[in-house]
Amino acid sequence: MILRGERQGDEAAIRAVTAAAFTGKPYSDQTEPQIIERLRVAGALDLSLVAEDGGEVIGHVAFSLVEIEDGATGWYGLGPVSVHPDRQSEGIGSALIRRGPADLAGLGASGCVLVGSPKFYPRFGFRHCRELVYPGLPVEYFMVLLLRGEMPSGIVRFHPAFYGNAA
């Protein structure tokens, strides 16, 4: 397996693996493939990594800039992250989640936020933070990873693509 940046021509495979990964998941509204496409169309898919095995895309993770109420810059949202159901529990998602923040740090990013399982993401250094807030969600499901600098404060808003448009 190799991890690499998304290349032209990967779009259909990313859509397929993302759709398959979220099918039947009770926490999903099945819009994850559309979120990635809206980010791509808006030019807001700032970091897009795939896991490839034997020439086939088997996993994907997306990163896009977020807005923070205090005006802090260089913060990204992680997600969606997906692994084909036939390849889950092999560490592929973990590898993508580790690689993404490392690549962001290399680009000078300040930090990363996500909405996800408080049982899964702390192993990658993500934690709940009182300073950053994502309204409408139980606090334990919104986590941050500080990469450099000071922790900002305020409400966090993901790119509009997450809310049904790409504007």
C-alpha atoms as a PDB file:
ATOM      1  CA  MET A   1       0.000   0.000   0.000  1.00  0.00           C
ATOM      2  CA  ILE A   2       1.143   3.526  -0.761  1.00  0.00           C
ATOM      3  CA  LEU A   3      -0.162   6.865   0.461  1.00  0.00           C
ATOM      4  CA  ARG A   4      -0.093   9.703  -2.034  1.00  0.00           C
ATOM      5  CA  GLY A   5      -1.792  12.908  -2.991  1.00  0.00           C
ATOM      6  CA  GLU A   6      -4.908  12.772  -5.112  1.00  0.00           C
ATOM      7  CA  ARG A   7      -4.178  12.879  -8.833  1.00  0.00           C
ATOM      8  CA  GLN A   8      -6.340  13.795 -11.773  1.00  0.00           C
ATOM      9  CA  GLY A   9      -8.371  10.723 -12.617  1.00  0.00           C
ATOM     10  CA  ASP A  10      -8.807   9.609  -8.975  1.00  0.00           C
ATOM     11  CA  GLU A  11     -12.152  11.381  -8.579  1.00  0.00           C
ATOM     12  CA  ALA A  12     -14.442   8.441  -9.468  1.00  0.00           C
ATOM     13  CA  ALA A  13     -12.475   5.999  -7.299  1.00  0.00           C
ATOM     14  CA  ILE A  14     -12.545   8.408  -4.353  1.00  0.00           C
ATOM     15  CA  ARG A  15     -16.291   8.862  -4.770  1.00  0.00           C
ATOM     16  CA  ALA A  16     -16.824   5.085  -4.916  1.00  0.00           C
ATOM     17  CA  VAL A  17     -14.670   4.255  -1.882  1.00  0.00           C
ATOM     18  CA  THR A  18     -16.274   7.061   0.130  1.00  0.00           C
ATOM     19  CA  ALA A  19     -19.810   5.962  -0.782  1.00  0.00           C
ATOM     20  CA  ALA A  20     -19.021   2.338   0.074  1.00  0.00           C
ATOM     21  CA  ALA A  21     -17.359   3.254   3.368  1.00  0.00           C
ATOM     22  CA  PHE A  22     -20.369   5.198   4.646  1.00  0.00           C
ATOM     23  CA  THR A  23     -23.181   2.995   3.310  1.00  0.00           C
ATOM     24  CA  GLY A  24     -25.397   1.819   6.156  1.00  0.00           C
ATOM     25  CA  LYS A  25     -23.552   3.770   8.862  1.00  0.00           C
ATOM     26  CA  PRO A  26     -26.115   5.179  11.327  1.00  0.00           C
ATOM     27  CA  TYR A  27     -24.031   8.330  11.918  1.00  0.00           C
ATOM     28  CA  SER A  28     -23.909   9.172   8.196  1.00  0.00           C
ATOM     29  CA  ASP A  29     -26.453  10.998   6.054  1.00  0.00           C
ATOM     30  CA  GLN A  30     -24.705   9.554   2.958  1.00  0.00           C
ATOM     31  CA  THR A  31     -23.534  12.989   1.738  1.00  0.00           C
ATOM     32  CA  GLU A  32     -19.813  12.374   2.221  1.00  0.00           C
ATOM     33  CA  PRO A  33     -19.068  11.815  -1.512  1.00  0.00           C
ATOM     34  CA  GLN A  34     -20.945  15.023  -2.336  1.00  0.00           C
ATOM     35  CA  ILE A  35     -19.014  16.957   0.322  1.00  0.00           C
ATOM     36  CA  ILE A  36     -15.718  15.940  -1.294  1.00  0.00           C
ATOM     37  CA  GLU A  37     -16.994  16.853  -4.746  1.00  0.00           C
ATOM     38  CA  ARG A  38     -18.277  20.250  -3.553  1.00  0.00           C
ATOM     39  CA  LEU A  39     -14.911  20.934  -1.889  1.00  0.00           C
ATOM     40  CA  ARG A  40     -13.134  19.988  -5.119  1.00  0.00           C
ATOM     41  CA  VAL A  41     -15.403  22.175  -7.287  1.00  0.00           C
ATOM     42  CA  ALA A  42     -14.944  25.115  -4.892  1.00  0.00           C
ATOM     43  CA  GLY A  43     -11.164  24.742  -5.010  1.00  0.00           C
ATOM     44  CA  ALA A  44     -11.271  24.065  -1.270  1.00  0.00           C
ATOM     45  CA  LEU A  45      -9.955  20.497  -1.185  1.00  0.00           C
ATOM     46  CA  ASP A  46      -6.678  21.748   0.251  1.00  0.00           C
ATOM     47  CA  LEU A  47      -5.132  18.345   0.929  1.00  0.00           C
ATOM     48  CA  SER A  48      -6.551  15.148  -0.518  1.00  0.00           C
ATOM     49  CA  LEU A  49      -4.709  11.904   0.197  1.00  0.00           C
ATOM     50  CA  VAL A  50      -5.426   8.423  -1.077  1.00  0.00           C
ATOM     51  CA  ALA A  51      -4.308   4.990  -0.021  1.00  0.00           C
ATOM     52  CA  GLU A  52      -3.599   2.847  -3.051  1.00  0.00           C
ATOM     53  CA  ASP A  53      -2.941  -0.859  -3.285  1.00  0.00           C
ATOM     54  CA  GLY A  54      -2.277  -2.652  -6.536  1.00  0.00           C
ATOM     55  CA  GLY A  55      -3.254   0.455  -8.486  1.00  0.00           C
ATOM     56  CA  GLU A  56      -6.639   0.651  -6.743  1.00  0.00           C
ATOM     57  CA  VAL A  57      -7.766   3.458  -4.442  1.00  0.00           C
ATOM     58  CA  ILE A  58      -8.793   1.814  -1.171  1.00  0.00           C
ATOM     59  CA  GLY A  59      -8.925   4.827   1.141  1.00  0.00           C
ATOM     60  CA  HIS A  60      -9.155   8.607   1.165  1.00  0.00           C
ATOM     61  CA  VAL A  61      -8.956  11.563   3.523  1.00  0.00           C
ATOM     62  CA  ALA A  62      -9.814  15.206   2.799  1.00  0.00           C
ATOM     63  CA  PHE A  63      -8.607  18.385   4.496  1.00  0.00           C
ATOM     64  CA  SER A  64     -10.067  21.853   3.966  1.00  0.00           C
ATOM     65  CA  LEU A  65      -9.585  25.209   5.633  1.00  0.00           C
ATOM     66  CA  VAL A  66     -11.935  26.105   8.478  1.00  0.00           C
ATOM     67  CA  GLU A  67     -12.920  29.504   9.816  1.00  0.00           C
ATOM     68  CA  ILE A  68     -12.371  30.293  13.481  1.00  0.00           C
ATOM     69  CA  GLU A  69     -14.276  33.086  15.170  1.00  0.00           C
ATOM     70  CA  ASP A  70     -11.151  34.818  16.507  1.00  0.00           C
ATOM     71  CA  GLY A  71      -9.689  35.076  12.991  1.00  0.00           C
ATOM     72  CA  ALA A  72      -6.948  32.484  13.481  1.00  0.00           C
ATOM     73  CA  THR A  73      -5.514  31.217  10.200  1.00  0.00           C
ATOM     74  CA  GLY A  74      -3.889  28.010   9.059  1.00  0.00           C
ATOM     75  CA  TRP A  75      -6.487  25.690  10.571  1.00  0.00           C
ATOM     76  CA  TYR A  76      -7.911  22.760   8.638  1.00  0.00           C
ATOM     77  CA  GLY A  77     -10.806  20.363   9.018  1.00  0.00           C
ATOM     78  CA  LEU A  78     -10.163  16.652   8.618  1.00  0.00           C
ATOM     79  CA  GLY A  79     -12.857  14.750   6.834  1.00  0.00           C
ATOM     80  CA  PRO A  80     -14.373  12.865   5.397  1.00  0.00           C
ATOM     81  CA  VAL A  81     -12.027   9.933   5.841  1.00  0.00           C
ATOM     82  CA  SER A  82     -12.966   6.616   4.273  1.00  0.00           C
ATOM     83  CA  VAL A  83     -11.649   3.131   3.693  1.00  0.00           C
ATOM     84  CA  HIS A  84     -13.291   0.551   1.462  1.00  0.00           C
ATOM     85  CA  PRO A  85     -15.327  -1.854   3.664  1.00  0.00           C
ATOM     86  CA  ASP A  86     -13.354  -4.882   2.417  1.00  0.00           C
ATOM     87  CA  ARG A  87     -10.136  -3.258   3.675  1.00  0.00           C
ATOM     88  CA  GLN A  88     -11.246  -1.794   6.990  1.00  0.00           C
ATOM     89  CA  SER A  89      -9.409  -2.759  10.203  1.00  0.00           C
ATOM     90  CA  GLU A  90      -6.090  -3.017   8.341  1.00  0.00           C
ATOM     91  CA  GLY A  91      -4.717   0.324   9.582  1.00  0.00           C
ATOM     92  CA  ILE A  92      -5.358   2.153   6.317  1.00  0.00           C
ATOM     93  CA  GLY A  93      -7.510   4.870   7.871  1.00  0.00           C
ATOM     94  CA  SER A  94      -5.000   5.283  10.681  1.00  0.00           C
ATOM     95  CA  ALA A  95      -2.186   5.710   8.168  1.00  0.00           C
ATOM     96  CA  LEU A  96      -4.146   8.392   6.307  1.00  0.00           C
ATOM     97  CA  ILE A  97      -5.032  10.179   9.542  1.00  0.00           C
ATOM     98  CA  ARG A  98      -1.382  10.204  10.644  1.00  0.00           C
ATOM     99  CA  ARG A  99      -0.086  11.344   7.258  1.00  0.00           C
ATOM    100  CA  GLY A 100      -2.519  14.246   6.815  1.00  0.00           C
ATOM    101  CA  PRO A 101      -1.541  16.375   9.825  1.00  0.00           C
ATOM    102  CA  ALA A 102       2.130  15.605   9.124  1.00  0.00           C
ATOM    103  CA  ASP A 103       1.727  16.968   5.585  1.00  0.00           C
ATOM    104  CA  LEU A 104      -0.228  19.972   6.898  1.00  0.00           C
ATOM    105  CA  ALA A 105       2.516  20.714   9.432  1.00  0.00           C
ATOM    106  CA  GLY A 106       5.021  20.659   6.588  1.00  0.00           C
ATOM    107  CA  LEU A 107       2.926  23.317   4.859  1.00  0.00           C
ATOM    108  CA  GLY A 108       2.998  25.509   7.978  1.00  0.00           C
ATOM    109  CA  ALA A 109      -0.526  24.746   9.202  1.00  0.00           C
ATOM    110  CA  SER A 110      -1.451  25.785  12.725  1.00  0.00           C
ATOM    111  CA  GLY A 111      -3.805  22.929  13.507  1.00  0.00           C
ATOM    112  CA  CYS A 112      -6.542  20.565  12.532  1.00  0.00           C
ATOM    113  CA  VAL A 113     -10.082  19.975  13.781  1.00  0.00           C
ATOM    114  CA  LEU A 114     -12.533  17.150  13.240  1.00  0.00           C
ATOM    115  CA  VAL A 115     -15.891  15.759  14.174  1.00  0.00           C
ATOM    116  CA  GLY A 116     -15.551  12.118  15.123  1.00  0.00           C
ATOM    117  CA  SER A 117     -15.421   9.341  17.667  1.00  0.00           C
ATOM    118  CA  PRO A 118     -13.854  10.318  21.008  1.00  0.00           C
ATOM    119  CA  LYS A 119     -12.802   6.664  21.308  1.00  0.00           C
ATOM    120  CA  PHE A 120     -10.850   6.626  18.037  1.00  0.00           C
ATOM    121  CA  TYR A 121      -9.172   9.977  17.348  1.00  0.00           C
ATOM    122  CA  PRO A 122      -7.288  10.631  20.628  1.00  0.00           C
ATOM    123  CA  ARG A 123      -4.735   7.977  19.591  1.00  0.00           C
ATOM    124  CA  PHE A 124      -3.608  10.451  16.907  1.00  0.00           C
ATOM    125  CA  GLY A 125      -3.268  13.341  19.343  1.00  0.00           C
ATOM    126  CA  PHE A 126      -6.722  14.856  18.823  1.00  0.00           C
ATOM    127  CA  ARG A 127      -8.455  16.026  21.970  1.00  0.00           C
ATOM    128  CA  HIS A 128     -11.410  18.055  23.144  1.00  0.00           C
ATOM    129  CA  CYS A 129     -10.543  21.706  23.675  1.00  0.00           C
ATOM    130  CA  ARG A 130     -12.643  24.213  25.624  1.00  0.00           C
ATOM    131  CA  GLU A 131     -11.354  27.120  23.552  1.00  0.00           C
ATOM    132  CA  LEU A 132     -12.820  25.892  20.257  1.00  0.00           C
ATOM    133  CA  VAL A 133     -16.517  25.236  19.851  1.00  0.00           C
ATOM    134  CA  TYR A 134     -18.585  23.537  17.174  1.00  0.00           C
ATOM    135  CA  PRO A 135     -22.239  24.393  17.931  1.00  0.00           C
ATOM    136  CA  GLY A 136     -24.958  21.765  17.846  1.00  0.00           C
ATOM    137  CA  LEU A 137     -22.719  18.825  18.612  1.00  0.00           C
ATOM    138  CA  PRO A 138     -21.905  17.132  21.920  1.00  0.00           C
ATOM    139  CA  VAL A 139     -18.505  18.556  22.923  1.00  0.00           C
ATOM    140  CA  GLU A 140     -16.738  15.203  23.101  1.00  0.00           C
ATOM    141  CA  TYR A 141     -17.200  14.661  19.329  1.00  0.00           C
ATOM    142  CA  PHE A 142     -15.362  17.844  18.308  1.00  0.00           C
ATOM    143  CA  MET A 143     -11.589  17.511  18.650  1.00  0.00           C
ATOM    144  CA  VAL A 144      -8.480  19.491  17.787  1.00  0.00           C
ATOM    145  CA  LEU A 145      -4.823  18.875  17.100  1.00  0.00           C
ATOM    146  CA  LEU A 146      -2.527  21.865  17.638  1.00  0.00           C
ATOM    147  CA  LEU A 147       0.397  21.734  15.203  1.00  0.00           C
ATOM    148  CA  ARG A 148       2.112  25.036  16.049  1.00  0.00           C
ATOM    149  CA  GLY A 149       1.505  28.336  17.785  1.00  0.00           C
ATOM    150  CA  GLU A 150      -1.214  29.181  20.274  1.00  0.00           C
ATOM    151  CA  MET A 151      -4.640  27.605  20.595  1.00  0.00           C
ATOM    152  CA  PRO A 152      -7.236  29.917  19.036  1.00  0.00           C
ATOM    153  CA  SER A 153     -10.683  30.404  20.518  1.00  0.00           C
ATOM    154  CA  GLY A 154     -14.246  30.681  19.374  1.00  0.00           C
ATOM    155  CA  ILE A 155     -16.720  29.018  17.099  1.00  0.00           C
ATOM    156  CA  VAL A 156     -15.364  26.869  14.265  1.00  0.00           C
ATOM    157  CA  ARG A 157     -17.089  26.666  10.906  1.00  0.00           C
ATOM    158  CA  PHE A 158     -16.220  24.133   8.242  1.00  0.00           C
ATOM    159  CA  HIS A 159     -16.259  25.055   4.558  1.00  0.00           C
ATOM    160  CA  PRO A 160     -19.783  25.664   3.134  1.00  0.00           C
ATOM    161  CA  ALA A 161     -19.443  22.404   1.166  1.00  0.00           C
ATOM    162  CA  PHE A 162     -20.166  20.560   4.412  1.00  0.00           C
ATOM    163  CA  TYR A 163     -23.505  22.338   4.725  1.00  0.00           C
ATOM    164  CA  GLY A 164     -24.811  21.591   1.252  1.00  0.00           C
ATOM    165  CA  ASN A 165     -23.190  24.173  -1.004  1.00  0.00           C
ATOM    166  CA  ALA A 166     -19.791  25.147  -2.291  1.00  0.00           C
ATOM    167  CA  ALA A 167     -20.083  28.912  -2.024  1.00  0.00           C
END
